[in-house]
Amino acid sequence: MKIEEIEVTIDAQGRVSVQVRGVKGKACLSLTEALEEALGGEVIQREMTAEAHETPTSGVQEVGRVEVGSTKK
C-alpha cells in the first residue's frame, strides 16, 4: 500500500508551499483545495509533476508543488 502525504512548508517570508506525494493524476487538486483556501486562496504558482499527468491505477495519485499567497499581511 502506498502512502499519500501532503507536505506544507512556510518560509521565513511567510510564503507557503504545498507538495502532494503518493498520488497519480489530478485528484491531488481536490486534495489540496480546502487547504489552499484556508491559506488565503491565492495560488501564485502551480507545478505539476509527470505523475500528475499519469492515469490513476489504484486510486493513488500525485502532483508537484503549489505555492499560495503569504499568510502574513
N, C-alpha and C. Protein backbone atom coordinates (compact mmCIF):
# COMPACT_ATOMS: atom_id res chain seq x y z
N MET A 1 0.84 -1.18 0.00
CA MET A 1 0.00 0.00 0.00
C MET A 1 0.88 1.24 0.00
N LYS A 2 0.61 2.17 -0.92
CA LYS A 2 1.37 3.40 -1.00
C LYS A 2 0.83 4.42 -0.01
N ILE A 3 1.71 5.27 0.45
CA ILE A 3 1.33 6.32 1.39
C ILE A 3 1.07 7.61 0.62
N GLU A 4 -0.04 8.25 0.91
CA GLU A 4 -0.34 9.56 0.36
C GLU A 4 0.02 10.58 1.42
N GLU A 5 0.73 11.65 1.02
CA GLU A 5 1.07 12.67 2.00
C GLU A 5 1.03 14.06 1.39
N ILE A 6 0.73 15.03 2.24
CA ILE A 6 0.75 16.43 1.87
C ILE A 6 1.76 17.10 2.78
N GLU A 7 2.77 17.74 2.16
CA GLU A 7 3.80 18.45 2.92
C GLU A 7 3.57 19.94 2.76
N VAL A 8 3.50 20.66 3.89
CA VAL A 8 3.31 22.10 3.89
C VAL A 8 4.56 22.74 4.46
N THR A 9 5.14 23.70 3.71
CA THR A 9 6.34 24.40 4.14
C THR A 9 6.06 25.89 4.13
N ILE A 10 6.43 26.57 5.22
CA ILE A 10 6.30 28.03 5.30
C ILE A 10 7.70 28.59 5.47
N ASP A 11 8.12 29.45 4.51
CA ASP A 11 9.48 30.00 4.59
C ASP A 11 9.51 31.24 5.48
N ALA A 12 10.68 31.82 5.64
CA ALA A 12 10.88 32.97 6.54
C ALA A 12 10.07 34.19 6.11
N GLN A 13 9.75 34.30 4.82
CA GLN A 13 8.95 35.42 4.34
C GLN A 13 7.44 35.15 4.42
N GLY A 14 7.07 34.00 4.92
CA GLY A 14 5.66 33.65 5.07
C GLY A 14 5.05 33.00 3.84
N ARG A 15 5.85 32.69 2.82
CA ARG A 15 5.34 32.00 1.64
C ARG A 15 5.10 30.54 1.98
N VAL A 16 4.01 30.02 1.49
CA VAL A 16 3.61 28.65 1.80
C VAL A 16 3.73 27.80 0.54
N SER A 17 4.38 26.64 0.68
CA SER A 17 4.45 25.66 -0.40
C SER A 17 3.75 24.40 0.06
N VAL A 18 2.99 23.80 -0.85
CA VAL A 18 2.29 22.55 -0.56
C VAL A 18 2.72 21.54 -1.60
N GLN A 19 3.16 20.37 -1.14
CA GLN A 19 3.56 19.32 -2.07
C GLN A 19 2.82 18.04 -1.72
N VAL A 20 2.24 17.41 -2.75
CA VAL A 20 1.50 16.17 -2.57
C VAL A 20 2.35 15.03 -3.13
N ARG A 21 2.45 13.95 -2.38
CA ARG A 21 3.19 12.77 -2.83
C ARG A 21 2.30 11.54 -2.70
N GLY A 22 2.58 10.57 -3.57
CA GLY A 22 1.85 9.30 -3.50
C GLY A 22 0.52 9.32 -4.18
N VAL A 23 0.31 10.29 -5.08
CA VAL A 23 -0.97 10.44 -5.77
C VAL A 23 -0.70 10.64 -7.26
N LYS A 24 -1.31 9.82 -8.12
CA LYS A 24 -1.17 9.97 -9.57
C LYS A 24 -2.42 10.60 -10.14
N GLY A 25 -2.27 11.35 -11.21
CA GLY A 25 -3.40 12.02 -11.83
C GLY A 25 -3.66 13.36 -11.17
N LYS A 26 -4.83 13.91 -11.42
CA LYS A 26 -5.13 15.26 -10.95
C LYS A 26 -6.02 15.31 -9.71
N ALA A 27 -6.25 14.19 -9.06
CA ALA A 27 -7.05 14.19 -7.84
C ALA A 27 -6.39 14.99 -6.74
N CYS A 28 -5.07 15.21 -6.86
CA CYS A 28 -4.35 16.00 -5.87
C CYS A 28 -4.91 17.41 -5.78
N LEU A 29 -5.46 17.92 -6.89
CA LEU A 29 -6.02 19.26 -6.88
C LEU A 29 -7.18 19.35 -5.91
N SER A 30 -8.03 18.34 -5.87
CA SER A 30 -9.14 18.35 -4.93
C SER A 30 -8.66 18.07 -3.50
N LEU A 31 -7.55 17.34 -3.37
CA LEU A 31 -7.00 17.08 -2.05
C LEU A 31 -6.49 18.35 -1.38
N THR A 32 -5.96 19.28 -2.16
CA THR A 32 -5.37 20.49 -1.59
C THR A 32 -6.29 21.71 -1.66
N GLU A 33 -7.43 21.58 -2.28
CA GLU A 33 -8.32 22.73 -2.49
C GLU A 33 -8.69 23.44 -1.18
N ALA A 34 -9.16 22.71 -0.20
CA ALA A 34 -9.56 23.33 1.07
C ALA A 34 -8.36 23.94 1.79
N LEU A 35 -7.22 23.28 1.72
CA LEU A 35 -6.01 23.79 2.35
C LEU A 35 -5.58 25.10 1.68
N GLU A 36 -5.62 25.16 0.36
CA GLU A 36 -5.27 26.37 -0.38
C GLU A 36 -6.18 27.53 0.03
N GLU A 37 -7.47 27.26 0.14
CA GLU A 37 -8.42 28.30 0.55
C GLU A 37 -8.15 28.76 1.97
N ALA A 38 -7.85 27.82 2.87
CA ALA A 38 -7.56 28.18 4.26
C ALA A 38 -6.29 29.02 4.38
N LEU A 39 -5.37 28.86 3.43
CA LEU A 39 -4.11 29.61 3.46
C LEU A 39 -4.20 30.93 2.70
N GLY A 40 -5.35 31.30 2.24
CA GLY A 40 -5.51 32.58 1.56
C GLY A 40 -6.15 32.48 0.20
N GLY A 41 -6.21 31.29 -0.37
CA GLY A 41 -6.93 31.08 -1.61
C GLY A 41 -6.25 31.54 -2.88
N GLU A 42 -5.14 32.25 -2.78
CA GLU A 42 -4.48 32.77 -3.98
C GLU A 42 -3.29 31.87 -4.32
N VAL A 43 -3.41 31.11 -5.39
CA VAL A 43 -2.31 30.26 -5.84
C VAL A 43 -1.42 31.10 -6.74
N ILE A 44 -0.18 31.27 -6.34
CA ILE A 44 0.77 32.08 -7.10
C ILE A 44 1.41 31.26 -8.21
N GLN A 45 1.71 30.02 -7.90
CA GLN A 45 2.37 29.15 -8.88
C GLN A 45 1.95 27.72 -8.62
N ARG A 46 1.72 26.96 -9.69
CA ARG A 46 1.40 25.54 -9.56
C ARG A 46 2.30 24.78 -10.52
N GLU A 47 3.06 23.83 -9.99
CA GLU A 47 3.93 22.99 -10.80
C GLU A 47 3.40 21.56 -10.75
N MET A 48 3.02 21.05 -11.89
CA MET A 48 2.54 19.68 -11.95
C MET A 48 3.71 18.76 -12.31
N THR A 49 3.82 17.65 -11.61
CA THR A 49 4.87 16.68 -11.91
C THR A 49 4.41 15.76 -13.03
N ALA A 50 5.32 14.94 -13.52
CA ALA A 50 4.97 13.96 -14.56
C ALA A 50 3.88 13.02 -14.05
N GLU A 51 3.92 12.68 -12.77
CA GLU A 51 2.92 11.78 -12.18
C GLU A 51 1.52 12.38 -12.24
N ALA A 52 1.42 13.68 -12.21
CA ALA A 52 0.11 14.33 -12.28
C ALA A 52 -0.56 14.09 -13.62
N HIS A 53 0.24 13.78 -14.62
CA HIS A 53 -0.31 13.53 -15.96
C HIS A 53 -0.54 12.05 -16.23
N GLU A 54 -0.22 11.20 -15.25
CA GLU A 54 -0.44 9.76 -15.39
C GLU A 54 -1.90 9.41 -15.08
N THR A 55 -2.34 8.32 -15.62
CA THR A 55 -3.67 7.82 -15.32
C THR A 55 -3.61 7.05 -14.00
N PRO A 56 -4.51 7.39 -13.08
CA PRO A 56 -4.53 6.66 -11.81
C PRO A 56 -4.80 5.18 -12.04
N THR A 57 -4.09 4.33 -11.31
CA THR A 57 -4.29 2.89 -11.46
C THR A 57 -4.95 2.27 -10.25
N SER A 58 -4.67 2.81 -9.07
CA SER A 58 -5.22 2.18 -7.86
C SER A 58 -5.81 3.21 -6.90
N GLY A 59 -6.26 4.33 -7.43
CA GLY A 59 -6.82 5.36 -6.57
C GLY A 59 -5.74 6.19 -5.87
N VAL A 60 -4.48 5.96 -6.18
CA VAL A 60 -3.39 6.71 -5.58
C VAL A 60 -2.84 7.65 -6.65
N GLN A 61 -2.71 8.94 -6.35
CA GLN A 61 -2.35 9.94 -7.34
C GLN A 61 -1.29 10.90 -6.80
N GLU A 62 -0.57 11.62 -7.70
CA GLU A 62 0.50 12.53 -7.27
C GLU A 62 0.54 13.81 -8.07
N VAL A 63 0.93 14.89 -7.43
CA VAL A 63 1.17 16.17 -8.11
C VAL A 63 2.40 16.82 -7.52
N GLY A 64 2.84 17.84 -8.15
CA GLY A 64 4.02 18.55 -7.70
C GLY A 64 3.75 19.50 -6.57
N ARG A 65 4.12 20.73 -6.74
CA ARG A 65 4.15 21.69 -5.66
C ARG A 65 3.25 22.87 -5.96
N VAL A 66 2.65 23.41 -4.94
CA VAL A 66 1.77 24.55 -5.05
C VAL A 66 2.25 25.62 -4.08
N GLU A 67 2.37 26.86 -4.54
CA GLU A 67 2.70 27.96 -3.65
C GLU A 67 1.48 28.86 -3.58
N VAL A 68 1.05 29.17 -2.36
CA VAL A 68 -0.09 30.05 -2.18
C VAL A 68 0.39 31.36 -1.57
N GLY A 69 -0.47 32.37 -1.60
CA GLY A 69 -0.11 33.69 -1.09
C GLY A 69 0.36 33.64 0.35
N SER A 70 1.08 34.67 0.73
CA SER A 70 1.63 34.78 2.08
C SER A 70 0.52 34.81 3.11
N THR A 71 0.78 34.19 4.25
CA THR A 71 -0.18 34.25 5.35
C THR A 71 0.05 35.49 6.19
N LYS A 72 1.17 36.21 5.95
CA LYS A 72 1.46 37.45 6.67
C LYS A 72 0.88 38.61 5.91
N LYS A 73 0.33 39.57 6.59
CA LYS A 73 -0.23 40.76 5.94
C LYS A 73 0.49 41.97 6.44
